[in-house]
Amino acid sequence: MSKKGGRFDGDGALFRLVSEAQRIHLAHLFDPVLAVHTSVVEPLPHQITAVHESMLPRQPLPFLLADDPGAGKTIMAGF
């Protein structure tokens, strides 16, 4: 495909794949918690605050994030 010919005979599926990959790559610039918003996980407000306001800005990350044992997290993660 030449650059000056104005031809549009490229692979449409490949273009869509590349453009979607680029959109996902840049999504964090528009929504820092995009992964949370697009998943079926429903975090509590204090969990978002702890991770995005307290932990992530500090690099290297000197934290271990843990939760209450026995809350069924392993079983829920499998569904």
Protein backbone atom coordinates (compact mmCIF):
# COMPACT_ATOMS: atom_id res chain seq x y z
CA MET A 1 0.00 0.00 0.00
CA SER A 2 1.52 3.31 -1.04
CA LYS A 3 1.37 6.41 1.14
CA LYS A 4 0.38 8.78 -1.69
CA GLY A 5 -2.19 6.68 -3.51
CA GLY A 6 -5.07 7.24 -1.09
CA ARG A 7 -5.84 3.54 -1.09
CA PHE A 8 -7.94 2.04 1.67
CA ASP A 9 -7.32 -1.64 1.08
CA GLY A 10 -5.64 -2.46 4.38
CA ASP A 11 -6.72 -5.22 6.73
CA GLY A 12 -9.71 -3.81 8.64
CA ALA A 13 -9.60 -6.45 11.37
CA LEU A 14 -5.93 -5.71 12.03
CA PHE A 15 -6.62 -1.97 12.18
CA ARG A 16 -9.42 -2.54 14.68
CA LEU A 17 -7.17 -4.76 16.82
CA VAL A 18 -4.36 -2.21 16.87
CA SER A 19 -6.66 0.73 17.58
CA GLU A 20 -8.35 -1.16 20.43
CA ALA A 21 -4.97 -2.05 21.91
CA GLN A 22 -3.96 1.61 21.77
CA ARG A 23 -7.25 2.67 23.38
CA ILE A 24 -6.72 0.23 26.27
CA HIS A 25 -3.07 1.31 26.59
CA LEU A 26 -4.09 4.97 27.04
CA ALA A 27 -7.31 4.41 29.04
CA HIS A 28 -5.66 5.04 32.41
CA LEU A 29 -5.03 8.65 31.38
CA PHE A 30 -8.78 9.29 31.29
CA ASP A 31 -9.89 7.03 34.16
CA PRO A 32 -7.23 5.95 36.67
CA VAL A 33 -9.54 3.30 38.15
CA LEU A 34 -10.75 1.92 34.82
CA ALA A 35 -10.01 -1.67 35.80
CA VAL A 36 -12.31 -1.32 38.80
CA HIS A 37 -15.08 0.34 36.79
CA THR A 38 -15.06 -2.29 34.04
CA SER A 39 -14.91 -5.37 36.27
CA VAL A 40 -17.59 -7.18 38.26
CA VAL A 41 -15.72 -6.38 41.47
CA GLU A 42 -17.47 -3.83 43.67
CA PRO A 43 -14.82 -2.34 45.97
CA LEU A 44 -15.77 -0.33 48.99
CA PRO A 45 -14.81 3.36 49.03
CA HIS A 46 -12.12 2.86 51.68
CA GLN A 47 -10.46 0.21 49.53
CA ILE A 48 -10.18 2.56 46.54
CA THR A 49 -8.85 5.31 48.79
CA ALA A 50 -6.25 3.03 50.35
CA VAL A 51 -4.91 1.80 47.04
CA HIS A 52 -5.12 4.84 44.76
CA GLU A 53 -4.42 7.63 47.24
CA SER A 54 -2.07 6.01 49.75
CA MET A 55 -0.31 3.05 48.16
CA LEU A 56 0.18 3.62 44.42
CA PRO A 57 1.75 7.10 44.62
CA ARG A 58 4.58 5.66 46.74
CA GLN A 59 7.19 3.92 44.61
CA PRO A 60 8.76 1.52 45.30
CA LEU A 61 5.65 0.04 46.85
CA PRO A 62 6.47 -0.74 50.52
CA PHE A 63 3.06 -2.24 51.36
CA LEU A 64 1.34 -5.58 51.61
CA LEU A 65 -2.40 -5.23 51.05
CA ALA A 66 -4.35 -7.86 52.98
CA ASP A 67 -7.97 -8.47 53.85
CA ASP A 68 -9.96 -10.42 56.43
CA PRO A 69 -9.55 -14.19 56.12
CA GLY A 70 -12.61 -16.35 55.65
CA ALA A 71 -14.68 -13.80 53.76
CA GLY A 72 -15.10 -16.13 50.77
CA LYS A 73 -12.77 -14.23 48.47
CA THR A 74 -11.29 -17.37 46.92
CA ILE A 75 -14.70 -18.86 46.19
CA MET A 76 -16.02 -15.57 44.75
CA ALA A 77 -12.94 -15.16 42.56
CA GLY A 78 -13.75 -18.47 40.89
CA PHE A 79 -17.15 -17.33 39.67
